[in-house]
Amino acid sequence: MTKIQFIKTQNDLLLFSVQLVLLLFFFGNCTVKYIRPDSSFEENLKSMKRISIISHPDNKLAEEEKKMLAEMAKNYLSHHKEYIVYGTPKKFQGNCLTLSPKVQSLVSLKMTEETKPSKISLSLNGTVTDCKSNRQIWDGLVESNYSFDLSENASLVKTYTEKYGQKIAEKVTPYFLIIKALLDELDGPTLTEDEQMEKIEVESK
């Protein structure tokens, strides 16, 4: 092997190593574990435009964290998808029967977390249930680790700490990021002009 061939081989090995590291970085840090839409989900989007969002009854979170989880998801879907997001009644019983009769599906979010000195591990499972058939038509799971950095999304942290107290401050950004990771995978419907007006009216209350 000549010196030039040796250098070329070394450069090729270096390039391969860099590519391998990049692949491991992108795939190793992927937060989406699975997304399982029902075979009829795309078809259901034509009529499943009105939804409500809840924190799953089995969530082992503080009461403020449960409320923040549901509100963050509601706000994110309201601004980033064309769903018409209806609120849930105070005496909600965990099923579609106690929701507004206009609601066509229920989004349920189940969060588990493990807190460590400088970071938090989150796992978020989301399901969509068709209220008419009481059948689950979408299921997704995302997991990731996040650092506690109050300097990130300072305005968002301020908004939720003013509402739910300072003790949830370090969880605001991790909750937001994992909710975003999950809900970005949920396809949204397309609204008519009348439905867009309904969305504005409902979500302004």
N, C-alpha and C. Protein backbone atom coordinates (compact mmCIF):
# COMPACT_ATOMS: atom_id res chain seq x y z
N MET A 1 0.85 -1.19 0.00
CA MET A 1 0.00 0.00 0.00
C MET A 1 0.88 1.24 0.00
N THR A 2 0.56 2.16 -0.94
CA THR A 2 1.33 3.39 -1.00
C THR A 2 0.88 4.35 0.10
N LYS A 3 1.69 5.39 0.31
CA LYS A 3 1.36 6.39 1.34
C LYS A 3 0.04 7.08 1.01
N ILE A 4 -0.19 7.37 -0.27
CA ILE A 4 -1.43 8.04 -0.68
C ILE A 4 -2.63 7.14 -0.42
N GLN A 5 -2.48 5.83 -0.76
CA GLN A 5 -3.57 4.87 -0.52
C GLN A 5 -3.86 4.75 0.97
N PHE A 6 -2.79 4.76 1.77
CA PHE A 6 -2.95 4.65 3.23
C PHE A 6 -3.74 5.85 3.77
N ILE A 7 -3.36 7.05 3.31
CA ILE A 7 -4.05 8.26 3.76
C ILE A 7 -5.51 8.23 3.35
N LYS A 8 -5.78 7.77 2.10
CA LYS A 8 -7.17 7.70 1.62
C LYS A 8 -7.97 6.72 2.47
N THR A 9 -7.36 5.57 2.80
CA THR A 9 -8.05 4.58 3.62
C THR A 9 -8.36 5.15 5.01
N GLN A 10 -7.38 5.84 5.59
CA GLN A 10 -7.58 6.45 6.91
C GLN A 10 -8.69 7.51 6.87
N ASN A 11 -8.71 8.29 5.78
CA ASN A 11 -9.75 9.31 5.65
C ASN A 11 -11.14 8.69 5.50
N ASP A 12 -11.20 7.58 4.73
CA ASP A 12 -12.47 6.87 4.56
C ASP A 12 -12.96 6.32 5.90
N LEU A 13 -12.04 5.76 6.69
CA LEU A 13 -12.40 5.23 8.01
C LEU A 13 -12.89 6.34 8.93
N LEU A 14 -12.22 7.50 8.86
CA LEU A 14 -12.62 8.64 9.68
C LEU A 14 -14.00 9.12 9.30
N LEU A 15 -14.26 9.21 7.97
CA LEU A 15 -15.56 9.65 7.48
C LEU A 15 -16.65 8.67 7.92
N PHE A 16 -16.36 7.37 7.81
CA PHE A 16 -17.32 6.36 8.24
C PHE A 16 -17.62 6.48 9.73
N SER A 17 -16.59 6.75 10.53
CA SER A 17 -16.76 6.88 11.98
C SER A 17 -17.64 8.07 12.32
N VAL A 18 -17.41 9.19 11.60
CA VAL A 18 -18.22 10.39 11.83
C VAL A 18 -19.67 10.12 11.46
N GLN A 19 -19.89 9.45 10.33
CA GLN A 19 -21.25 9.13 9.89
C GLN A 19 -21.94 8.20 10.90
N LEU A 20 -21.19 7.25 11.43
CA LEU A 20 -21.75 6.31 12.41
C LEU A 20 -22.17 7.03 13.68
N VAL A 21 -21.32 7.94 14.13
CA VAL A 21 -21.64 8.73 15.34
C VAL A 21 -22.90 9.56 15.11
N LEU A 22 -23.01 10.17 13.91
CA LEU A 22 -24.18 10.98 13.61
C LEU A 22 -25.44 10.13 13.57
N LEU A 23 -25.34 8.95 12.99
CA LEU A 23 -26.50 8.04 12.96
C LEU A 23 -26.92 7.64 14.36
N LEU A 24 -25.94 7.30 15.20
CA LEU A 24 -26.25 6.92 16.58
C LEU A 24 -26.87 8.08 17.34
N PHE A 25 -26.40 9.30 17.04
CA PHE A 25 -26.94 10.47 17.72
C PHE A 25 -28.41 10.68 17.37
N PHE A 26 -28.69 10.65 16.06
CA PHE A 26 -30.06 10.93 15.63
C PHE A 26 -31.03 9.82 16.01
N PHE A 27 -30.63 8.56 15.82
CA PHE A 27 -31.54 7.47 16.10
C PHE A 27 -31.55 7.10 17.57
N GLY A 28 -30.42 7.25 18.23
CA GLY A 28 -30.35 6.92 19.65
C GLY A 28 -31.12 7.89 20.50
N ASN A 29 -31.30 9.16 20.01
CA ASN A 29 -32.01 10.16 20.77
C ASN A 29 -33.45 10.34 20.28
N CYS A 30 -33.90 9.47 19.42
CA CYS A 30 -35.27 9.55 18.93
C CYS A 30 -36.24 9.29 20.08
N THR A 31 -37.20 10.19 20.26
CA THR A 31 -38.12 10.06 21.39
C THR A 31 -39.38 9.26 21.04
N VAL A 32 -39.66 9.10 19.77
CA VAL A 32 -40.89 8.40 19.38
C VAL A 32 -40.67 6.89 19.42
N LYS A 33 -41.38 6.22 20.31
CA LYS A 33 -41.26 4.76 20.44
C LYS A 33 -42.20 4.05 19.46
N TYR A 34 -43.43 4.52 19.39
CA TYR A 34 -44.35 3.96 18.38
C TYR A 34 -45.53 4.90 18.17
N ILE A 35 -46.10 4.83 16.98
CA ILE A 35 -47.35 5.51 16.62
C ILE A 35 -48.21 4.47 15.92
N ARG A 36 -49.41 4.22 16.48
CA ARG A 36 -50.27 3.16 15.94
C ARG A 36 -51.67 3.70 15.65
N PRO A 37 -51.85 4.28 14.47
CA PRO A 37 -53.21 4.72 14.11
C PRO A 37 -54.03 3.52 13.65
N ASP A 38 -55.33 3.55 13.93
CA ASP A 38 -56.24 2.54 13.43
C ASP A 38 -56.29 2.64 11.90
N SER A 39 -56.63 1.55 11.24
CA SER A 39 -56.67 1.54 9.78
C SER A 39 -57.68 2.56 9.22
N SER A 40 -58.65 2.94 10.05
CA SER A 40 -59.67 3.89 9.59
C SER A 40 -59.42 5.31 10.09
N PHE A 41 -58.26 5.54 10.69
CA PHE A 41 -58.02 6.85 11.32
C PHE A 41 -58.09 8.00 10.32
N GLU A 42 -57.44 7.85 9.17
CA GLU A 42 -57.44 8.91 8.17
C GLU A 42 -58.86 9.23 7.71
N GLU A 43 -59.66 8.20 7.55
CA GLU A 43 -61.06 8.41 7.15
C GLU A 43 -61.85 9.10 8.26
N ASN A 44 -61.54 8.73 9.51
CA ASN A 44 -62.24 9.32 10.66
C ASN A 44 -61.96 10.81 10.80
N LEU A 45 -60.81 11.28 10.30
CA LEU A 45 -60.46 12.69 10.41
C LEU A 45 -61.49 13.60 9.73
N LYS A 46 -62.23 13.05 8.78
CA LYS A 46 -63.22 13.85 8.07
C LYS A 46 -64.40 14.23 8.97
N SER A 47 -64.65 13.39 9.98
CA SER A 47 -65.79 13.65 10.87
C SER A 47 -65.36 13.81 12.33
N MET A 48 -64.09 13.55 12.64
CA MET A 48 -63.60 13.61 14.02
C MET A 48 -62.82 14.91 14.23
N LYS A 49 -63.55 16.01 14.27
CA LYS A 49 -62.90 17.32 14.33
C LYS A 49 -63.02 17.98 15.70
N ARG A 50 -63.97 17.51 16.50
CA ARG A 50 -64.23 18.11 17.82
C ARG A 50 -63.73 17.15 18.91
N ILE A 51 -62.77 17.62 19.70
CA ILE A 51 -62.14 16.74 20.67
C ILE A 51 -62.09 17.38 22.06
N SER A 52 -61.87 16.53 23.06
CA SER A 52 -61.53 16.99 24.41
C SER A 52 -60.26 16.27 24.83
N ILE A 53 -59.51 16.90 25.73
CA ILE A 53 -58.22 16.35 26.16
C ILE A 53 -58.22 16.20 27.68
N ILE A 54 -57.78 15.02 28.15
CA ILE A 54 -57.73 14.79 29.60
C ILE A 54 -56.38 14.21 30.02
N SER A 55 -56.05 14.41 31.27
CA SER A 55 -54.95 13.69 31.91
C SER A 55 -55.52 12.37 32.37
N HIS A 56 -54.89 11.26 32.00
CA HIS A 56 -55.42 9.93 32.31
C HIS A 56 -55.67 9.78 33.81
N PRO A 57 -56.79 9.17 34.21
CA PRO A 57 -57.11 9.02 35.64
C PRO A 57 -56.05 8.27 36.44
N ASP A 58 -55.25 7.43 35.77
CA ASP A 58 -54.24 6.64 36.49
C ASP A 58 -52.90 7.36 36.63
N ASN A 59 -52.81 8.59 36.15
CA ASN A 59 -51.55 9.34 36.27
C ASN A 59 -51.16 9.53 37.73
N LYS A 60 -49.95 9.12 38.06
CA LYS A 60 -49.44 9.31 39.43
C LYS A 60 -48.63 10.61 39.50
N LEU A 61 -49.31 11.70 39.24
CA LEU A 61 -48.71 13.02 39.24
C LEU A 61 -49.40 13.88 40.29
N ALA A 62 -48.73 14.95 40.69
CA ALA A 62 -49.38 15.91 41.57
C ALA A 62 -50.55 16.55 40.83
N GLU A 63 -51.53 17.03 41.57
CA GLU A 63 -52.73 17.58 40.94
C GLU A 63 -52.41 18.72 40.00
N GLU A 64 -51.45 19.57 40.38
CA GLU A 64 -51.07 20.70 39.52
C GLU A 64 -50.43 20.20 38.23
N GLU A 65 -49.66 19.11 38.33
CA GLU A 65 -49.00 18.55 37.15
C GLU A 65 -50.02 17.94 36.19
N LYS A 66 -51.04 17.28 36.72
CA LYS A 66 -52.11 16.73 35.87
C LYS A 66 -52.81 17.83 35.09
N LYS A 67 -53.12 18.92 35.80
CA LYS A 67 -53.81 20.03 35.14
C LYS A 67 -52.91 20.68 34.09
N MET A 68 -51.62 20.84 34.42
CA MET A 68 -50.69 21.45 33.48
C MET A 68 -50.54 20.58 32.24
N LEU A 69 -50.46 19.28 32.41
CA LEU A 69 -50.33 18.35 31.30
C LEU A 69 -51.49 18.50 30.32
N ALA A 70 -52.71 18.49 30.84
CA ALA A 70 -53.90 18.61 29.99
C ALA A 70 -53.99 19.98 29.33
N GLU A 71 -53.69 21.02 30.09
CA GLU A 71 -53.79 22.38 29.54
C GLU A 71 -52.74 22.63 28.47
N MET A 72 -51.51 22.15 28.70
CA MET A 72 -50.45 22.31 27.70
C MET A 72 -50.84 21.62 26.39
N ALA A 73 -51.35 20.41 26.51
CA ALA A 73 -51.74 19.65 25.32
C ALA A 73 -52.89 20.36 24.59
N LYS A 74 -53.84 20.87 25.37
CA LYS A 74 -54.96 21.59 24.77
C LYS A 74 -54.46 22.82 24.02
N ASN A 75 -53.58 23.58 24.65
CA ASN A 75 -53.05 24.79 24.01
C ASN A 75 -52.24 24.46 22.76
N TYR A 76 -51.45 23.37 22.83
CA TYR A 76 -50.61 23.01 21.70
C TYR A 76 -51.47 22.59 20.50
N LEU A 77 -52.47 21.73 20.76
CA LEU A 77 -53.33 21.29 19.66
C LEU A 77 -54.15 22.45 19.10
N SER A 78 -54.59 23.35 19.98
CA SER A 78 -55.38 24.49 19.54
C SER A 78 -54.60 25.36 18.55
N HIS A 79 -53.29 25.51 18.81
CA HIS A 79 -52.49 26.41 17.99
C HIS A 79 -51.81 25.74 16.80
N HIS A 80 -51.62 24.43 16.87
CA HIS A 80 -50.82 23.76 15.83
C HIS A 80 -51.59 22.75 14.99
N LYS A 81 -52.83 22.46 15.35
CA LYS A 81 -53.68 21.57 14.55
C LYS A 81 -55.05 22.21 14.40
N GLU A 82 -55.82 21.71 13.48
CA GLU A 82 -57.14 22.30 13.23
C GLU A 82 -58.27 21.63 14.00
N TYR A 83 -57.94 20.87 15.04
CA TYR A 83 -58.99 20.32 15.88
C TYR A 83 -59.73 21.46 16.60
N ILE A 84 -61.03 21.26 16.84
CA ILE A 84 -61.82 22.16 17.67
C ILE A 84 -61.78 21.56 19.07
N VAL A 85 -61.09 22.21 19.98
CA VAL A 85 -60.83 21.62 21.29
C VAL A 85 -61.84 22.13 22.32
N TYR A 86 -62.71 21.23 22.75
CA TYR A 86 -63.70 21.55 23.79
C TYR A 86 -63.12 21.25 25.17
N GLY A 87 -63.55 22.02 26.16
CA GLY A 87 -63.12 21.78 27.54
C GLY A 87 -63.84 20.58 28.14
N THR A 88 -63.39 20.17 29.31
CA THR A 88 -64.04 19.07 30.04
C THR A 88 -64.75 19.62 31.26
N PRO A 89 -65.89 19.04 31.63
CA PRO A 89 -66.63 19.52 32.81
C PRO A 89 -65.88 19.24 34.11
N LYS A 90 -66.18 20.01 35.15
CA LYS A 90 -65.50 19.83 36.44
C LYS A 90 -65.75 18.43 37.01
N LYS A 91 -66.92 17.87 36.79
CA LYS A 91 -67.26 16.54 37.31
C LYS A 91 -67.09 15.48 36.22
N PHE A 92 -66.02 15.61 35.47
CA PHE A 92 -65.75 14.65 34.39
C PHE A 92 -65.48 13.27 34.96
N GLN A 93 -66.07 12.25 34.35
CA GLN A 93 -65.98 10.88 34.87
C GLN A 93 -65.09 9.97 34.03
N GLY A 94 -64.31 10.54 33.13
CA GLY A 94 -63.34 9.75 32.40
C GLY A 94 -63.83 9.10 31.12
N ASN A 95 -65.05 9.46 30.68
CA ASN A 95 -65.54 8.89 29.43
C ASN A 95 -66.33 9.94 28.65
N CYS A 96 -66.69 9.60 27.43
CA CYS A 96 -67.34 10.56 26.53
C CYS A 96 -68.74 10.96 27.00
N LEU A 97 -69.38 10.15 27.83
CA LEU A 97 -70.76 10.40 28.23
C LEU A 97 -70.95 11.72 28.97
N THR A 98 -69.91 12.16 29.67
CA THR A 98 -70.02 13.39 30.46
C THR A 98 -69.47 14.61 29.72
N LEU A 99 -69.12 14.45 28.45
CA LEU A 99 -68.60 15.56 27.65
C LEU A 99 -69.73 16.24 26.89
N SER A 100 -69.42 17.37 26.27
CA SER A 100 -70.38 18.03 25.41
C SER A 100 -70.82 17.05 24.32
N PRO A 101 -72.10 17.02 23.98
CA PRO A 101 -72.57 16.10 22.93
C PRO A 101 -71.92 16.37 21.57
N LYS A 102 -71.31 17.54 21.41
CA LYS A 102 -70.64 17.85 20.15
C LYS A 102 -69.28 17.16 20.03
N VAL A 103 -68.68 16.75 21.16
CA VAL A 103 -67.34 16.15 21.14
C VAL A 103 -67.39 14.79 20.46
N GLN A 104 -66.49 14.60 19.50
CA GLN A 104 -66.48 13.37 18.71
C GLN A 104 -65.38 12.39 19.12
N SER A 105 -64.35 12.90 19.83
CA SER A 105 -63.29 12.00 20.27
C SER A 105 -62.62 12.54 21.53
N LEU A 106 -62.00 11.64 22.26
CA LEU A 106 -61.37 11.98 23.53
C LEU A 106 -59.89 11.62 23.47
N VAL A 107 -59.03 12.61 23.74
CA VAL A 107 -57.58 12.39 23.79
C VAL A 107 -57.18 12.23 25.26
N SER A 108 -56.57 11.10 25.57
CA SER A 108 -56.15 10.81 26.95
C SER A 108 -54.63 10.71 27.01
N LEU A 109 -54.03 11.38 28.00
CA LEU A 109 -52.57 11.42 28.13
C LEU A 109 -52.14 10.79 29.44
N LYS A 110 -51.26 9.79 29.34
CA LYS A 110 -50.76 9.10 30.53
C LYS A 110 -49.25 9.32 30.63
N MET A 111 -48.83 9.98 31.70
CA MET A 111 -47.43 10.34 31.88
C MET A 111 -46.81 9.57 33.05
N THR A 112 -45.61 9.05 32.84
CA THR A 112 -44.81 8.51 33.94
C THR A 112 -43.49 9.26 33.94
N GLU A 113 -42.95 9.48 35.13
CA GLU A 113 -41.71 10.24 35.21
C GLU A 113 -40.79 9.69 36.29
N GLU A 114 -39.50 9.89 36.06
CA GLU A 114 -38.47 9.53 37.04
C GLU A 114 -37.54 10.72 37.17
N THR A 115 -37.49 11.28 38.37
CA THR A 115 -36.69 12.47 38.60
C THR A 115 -35.33 12.11 39.17
N LYS A 116 -34.28 12.68 38.56
CA LYS A 116 -32.91 12.51 39.02
C LYS A 116 -32.35 13.89 39.38
N PRO A 117 -31.17 13.95 40.02
CA PRO A 117 -30.66 15.25 40.49
C PRO A 117 -30.64 16.36 39.45
N SER A 118 -30.24 16.06 38.22
CA SER A 118 -30.10 17.13 37.23
C SER A 118 -30.98 16.94 36.00
N LYS A 119 -31.79 15.88 35.98
CA LYS A 119 -32.64 15.66 34.82
C LYS A 119 -33.89 14.88 35.19
N ILE A 120 -34.81 14.79 34.23
CA ILE A 120 -36.04 14.05 34.43
C ILE A 120 -36.28 13.15 33.22
N SER A 121 -36.67 11.90 33.47
CA SER A 121 -37.01 10.96 32.41
C SER A 121 -38.53 10.90 32.30
N LEU A 122 -39.04 11.17 31.10
CA LEU A 122 -40.49 11.20 30.89
C LEU A 122 -40.91 10.18 29.85
N SER A 123 -42.07 9.58 30.09
CA SER A 123 -42.70 8.68 29.13
C SER A 123 -44.15 9.11 29.01
N LEU A 124 -44.58 9.44 27.79
CA LEU A 124 -45.94 9.94 27.57
C LEU A 124 -46.67 9.08 26.55
N ASN A 125 -47.77 8.49 27.00
CA ASN A 125 -48.63 7.68 26.12
C ASN A 125 -49.92 8.46 25.84
N GLY A 126 -50.25 8.57 24.59
CA GLY A 126 -51.49 9.25 24.21
C GLY A 126 -52.39 8.34 23.41
N THR A 127 -53.68 8.39 23.71
CA THR A 127 -54.65 7.60 22.95
C THR A 127 -55.80 8.50 22.51
N VAL A 128 -56.41 8.15 21.39
CA VAL A 128 -57.59 8.85 20.90
C VAL A 128 -58.72 7.84 20.81
N THR A 129 -59.83 8.14 21.47
CA THR A 129 -60.99 7.25 21.47
C THR A 129 -62.14 7.90 20.71
N ASP A 130 -62.72 7.15 19.80
CA ASP A 130 -63.90 7.61 19.05
C ASP A 130 -65.10 7.52 20.00
N CYS A 131 -65.73 8.66 20.30
CA CYS A 131 -66.82 8.68 21.26
C CYS A 131 -68.06 7.93 20.77
N LYS A 132 -68.26 7.87 19.47
CA LYS A 132 -69.45 7.21 18.93
C LYS A 132 -69.39 5.70 19.11
N SER A 133 -68.22 5.12 18.83
CA SER A 133 -68.07 3.66 18.92
C SER A 133 -67.36 3.22 20.19
N ASN A 134 -66.81 4.19 20.94
CA ASN A 134 -65.99 3.91 22.13
C ASN A 134 -64.79 3.03 21.79
N ARG A 135 -64.26 3.22 20.58
CA ARG A 135 -63.13 2.42 20.10
C ARG A 135 -61.88 3.29 20.02
N GLN A 136 -60.75 2.72 20.44
CA GLN A 136 -59.48 3.44 20.36
C GLN A 136 -59.01 3.45 18.91
N ILE A 137 -58.76 4.65 18.38
CA ILE A 137 -58.39 4.75 16.96
C ILE A 137 -56.98 5.29 16.74
N TRP A 138 -56.29 5.62 17.82
CA TRP A 138 -54.90 6.10 17.70
C TRP A 138 -54.19 5.89 19.02
N ASP A 139 -52.92 5.49 18.93
CA ASP A 139 -52.13 5.21 20.14
C ASP A 139 -50.68 5.58 19.85
N GLY A 140 -50.07 6.35 20.73
CA GLY A 140 -48.68 6.74 20.53
C GLY A 140 -47.91 6.80 21.83
N LEU A 141 -46.61 6.55 21.76
CA LEU A 141 -45.75 6.59 22.94
C LEU A 141 -44.45 7.30 22.62
N VAL A 142 -44.08 8.27 23.46
CA VAL A 142 -42.79 8.96 23.31
C VAL A 142 -42.08 8.95 24.67
N GLU A 143 -40.75 8.86 24.62
CA GLU A 143 -39.95 8.84 25.84
C GLU A 143 -38.68 9.65 25.62
N SER A 144 -38.23 10.34 26.66
CA SER A 144 -36.97 11.07 26.54
C SER A 144 -36.51 11.56 27.91
N ASN A 145 -35.24 12.01 27.95
CA ASN A 145 -34.66 12.61 29.16
C ASN A 145 -34.47 14.10 28.91
N TYR A 146 -34.71 14.91 29.94
CA TYR A 146 -34.58 16.35 29.82
C TYR A 146 -33.84 16.90 31.04
N SER A 147 -33.07 17.95 30.80
CA SER A 147 -32.37 18.61 31.90
C SER A 147 -33.31 19.65 32.53
N PHE A 148 -33.01 20.00 33.77
CA PHE A 148 -33.77 21.05 34.44
C PHE A 148 -33.08 22.38 34.15
N ASP A 149 -33.59 23.13 33.21
CA ASP A 149 -32.98 24.41 32.84
C ASP A 149 -34.08 25.46 32.75
N LEU A 150 -34.20 26.27 33.78
CA LEU A 150 -35.26 27.27 33.84
C LEU A 150 -35.04 28.43 32.88
N SER A 151 -33.83 28.51 32.29
CA SER A 151 -33.57 29.59 31.35
C SER A 151 -34.19 29.31 29.98
N GLU A 152 -34.50 28.03 29.71
CA GLU A 152 -35.15 27.67 28.45
C GLU A 152 -36.64 28.00 28.53
N ASN A 153 -37.17 28.58 27.46
CA ASN A 153 -38.61 28.91 27.40
C ASN A 153 -39.06 29.69 28.62
N ALA A 154 -38.33 30.74 28.95
CA ALA A 154 -38.60 31.51 30.17
C ALA A 154 -40.03 32.03 30.23
N SER A 155 -40.56 32.49 29.11
CA SER A 155 -41.92 33.04 29.11
C SER A 155 -42.95 31.94 29.36
N LEU A 156 -42.69 30.75 28.80
CA LEU A 156 -43.58 29.61 29.03
C LEU A 156 -43.55 29.20 30.50
N VAL A 157 -42.36 29.14 31.07
CA VAL A 157 -42.21 28.80 32.49
C VAL A 157 -42.96 29.81 33.35
N LYS A 158 -42.83 31.07 33.02
CA LYS A 158 -43.51 32.13 33.78
C LYS A 158 -45.03 31.96 33.72
N THR A 159 -45.55 31.66 32.53
CA THR A 159 -47.00 31.50 32.35
C THR A 159 -47.56 30.41 33.25
N TYR A 160 -46.91 29.25 33.25
CA TYR A 160 -47.46 28.12 34.00
C TYR A 160 -47.16 28.18 35.50
N THR A 161 -46.05 28.80 35.87
CA THR A 161 -45.76 28.92 37.31
C THR A 161 -46.72 29.93 37.96
N GLU A 162 -47.11 30.94 37.20
CA GLU A 162 -48.09 31.90 37.73
C GLU A 162 -49.43 31.23 37.98
N LYS A 163 -49.72 30.20 37.20
CA LYS A 163 -51.01 29.53 37.33
C LYS A 163 -50.97 28.35 38.30
N TYR A 164 -49.86 27.59 38.30
CA TYR A 164 -49.81 26.35 39.08
C TYR A 164 -48.77 26.35 40.19
N GLY A 165 -48.03 27.45 40.35
CA GLY A 165 -47.09 27.55 41.46
C GLY A 165 -45.65 27.28 41.06
N GLN A 166 -44.73 27.81 41.84
CA GLN A 166 -43.30 27.74 41.55
C GLN A 166 -42.76 26.31 41.58
N LYS A 167 -43.40 25.43 42.33
CA LYS A 167 -42.86 24.08 42.48
C LYS A 167 -42.89 23.26 41.18
N ILE A 168 -43.68 23.70 40.20
CA ILE A 168 -43.71 22.97 38.92
C ILE A 168 -42.78 23.59 37.89
N ALA A 169 -42.06 24.65 38.27
CA ALA A 169 -41.27 25.44 37.31
C ALA A 169 -40.29 24.59 36.50
N GLU A 170 -39.54 23.71 37.16
CA GLU A 170 -38.51 22.95 36.46
C GLU A 170 -39.09 21.87 35.53
N LYS A 171 -40.39 21.61 35.65
CA LYS A 171 -41.01 20.59 34.79
C LYS A 171 -41.72 21.18 33.58
N VAL A 172 -41.85 22.50 33.53
CA VAL A 172 -42.61 23.13 32.45
C VAL A 172 -42.01 22.80 31.08
N THR A 173 -40.73 23.07 30.89
CA THR A 173 -40.10 22.82 29.59
C THR A 173 -40.07 21.34 29.23
N PRO A 174 -39.67 20.42 30.14
CA PRO A 174 -39.73 18.99 29.79
C PRO A 174 -41.12 18.53 29.40
N TYR A 175 -42.15 18.97 30.13
CA TYR A 175 -43.52 18.59 29.79
C TYR A 175 -43.88 19.10 28.40
N PHE A 176 -43.54 20.36 28.14
CA PHE A 176 -43.88 20.94 26.84
C PHE A 176 -43.21 20.18 25.70
N LEU A 177 -41.93 19.86 25.86
CA LEU A 177 -41.18 19.19 24.79
C LEU A 177 -41.70 17.79 24.49
N ILE A 178 -42.08 17.06 25.54
CA ILE A 178 -42.56 15.69 25.28
C ILE A 178 -43.99 15.70 24.73
N ILE A 179 -44.79 16.68 25.17
CA ILE A 179 -46.13 16.84 24.59
C ILE A 179 -46.02 17.17 23.11
N LYS A 180 -45.12 18.08 22.78
CA LYS A 180 -44.89 18.45 21.37
C LYS A 180 -44.46 17.23 20.55
N ALA A 181 -43.52 16.44 21.10
CA ALA A 181 -43.04 15.25 20.38
C ALA A 181 -44.17 14.29 20.06
N LEU A 182 -45.11 14.14 20.99
CA LEU A 182 -46.23 13.22 20.78
C LEU A 182 -47.26 13.81 19.82
N LEU A 183 -47.70 15.03 20.08
CA LEU A 183 -48.80 15.60 19.31
C LEU A 183 -48.39 15.99 17.89
N ASP A 184 -47.11 16.19 17.65
CA ASP A 184 -46.66 16.42 16.27
C ASP A 184 -46.90 15.19 15.40
N GLU A 185 -47.02 14.02 16.03
CA GLU A 185 -47.26 12.78 15.29
C GLU A 185 -48.74 12.54 15.03
N LEU A 186 -49.61 13.33 15.65
CA LEU A 186 -51.06 13.16 15.49
C LEU A 186 -51.55 14.01 14.33
N ASP A 187 -51.98 13.37 13.26
CA ASP A 187 -52.49 14.11 12.12
C ASP A 187 -53.77 14.86 12.50
N GLY A 188 -53.97 16.01 11.88
CA GLY A 188 -55.15 16.82 12.18
C GLY A 188 -56.10 16.90 11.01
N PRO A 189 -57.33 17.33 11.27
CA PRO A 189 -58.33 17.43 10.21
C PRO A 189 -58.20 18.75 9.45
N THR A 190 -59.03 18.91 8.44
CA THR A 190 -59.14 20.18 7.72
C THR A 190 -60.53 20.73 7.96
N LEU A 191 -60.61 21.97 8.45
CA LEU A 191 -61.90 22.55 8.81
C LEU A 191 -62.48 23.38 7.66
N THR A 192 -63.82 23.38 7.60
CA THR A 192 -64.50 24.28 6.68
C THR A 192 -64.47 25.69 7.29
N GLU A 193 -64.94 26.68 6.54
CA GLU A 193 -64.96 28.05 7.05
C GLU A 193 -65.85 28.17 8.28
N ASP A 194 -67.02 27.50 8.25
CA ASP A 194 -67.93 27.53 9.41
C ASP A 194 -67.28 26.86 10.61
N GLU A 195 -66.58 25.77 10.38
CA GLU A 195 -65.91 25.06 11.48
C GLU A 195 -64.77 25.88 12.06
N GLN A 196 -64.10 26.65 11.22
CA GLN A 196 -63.05 27.53 11.72
C GLN A 196 -63.62 28.61 12.63
N MET A 197 -64.81 29.11 12.30
CA MET A 197 -65.49 30.08 13.16
C MET A 197 -65.91 29.43 14.48
N GLU A 198 -66.36 28.18 14.41
CA GLU A 198 -66.71 27.45 15.62
C GLU A 198 -65.49 27.26 16.51
N LYS A 199 -64.36 26.95 15.90
CA LYS A 199 -63.11 26.77 16.65
C LYS A 199 -62.75 28.05 17.40
N ILE A 200 -62.84 29.18 16.72
CA ILE A 200 -62.52 30.47 17.35
C ILE A 200 -63.45 30.73 18.52
N GLU A 201 -64.73 30.46 18.32
CA GLU A 201 -65.74 30.72 19.36
C GLU A 201 -65.54 29.81 20.56
N VAL A 202 -65.35 28.51 20.31
CA VAL A 202 -65.21 27.53 21.40
C VAL A 202 -63.93 27.78 22.20
N GLU A 203 -62.82 28.03 21.52
CA GLU A 203 -61.53 28.13 22.19
C GLU A 203 -61.26 29.50 22.80
N SER A 204 -62.16 30.44 22.55
CA SER A 204 -62.02 31.77 23.15
C SER A 204 -62.69 31.83 24.52
N LYS A 205 -63.43 30.78 24.88
CA LYS A 205 -64.17 30.76 26.16
C LYS A 205 -63.23 30.42 27.31
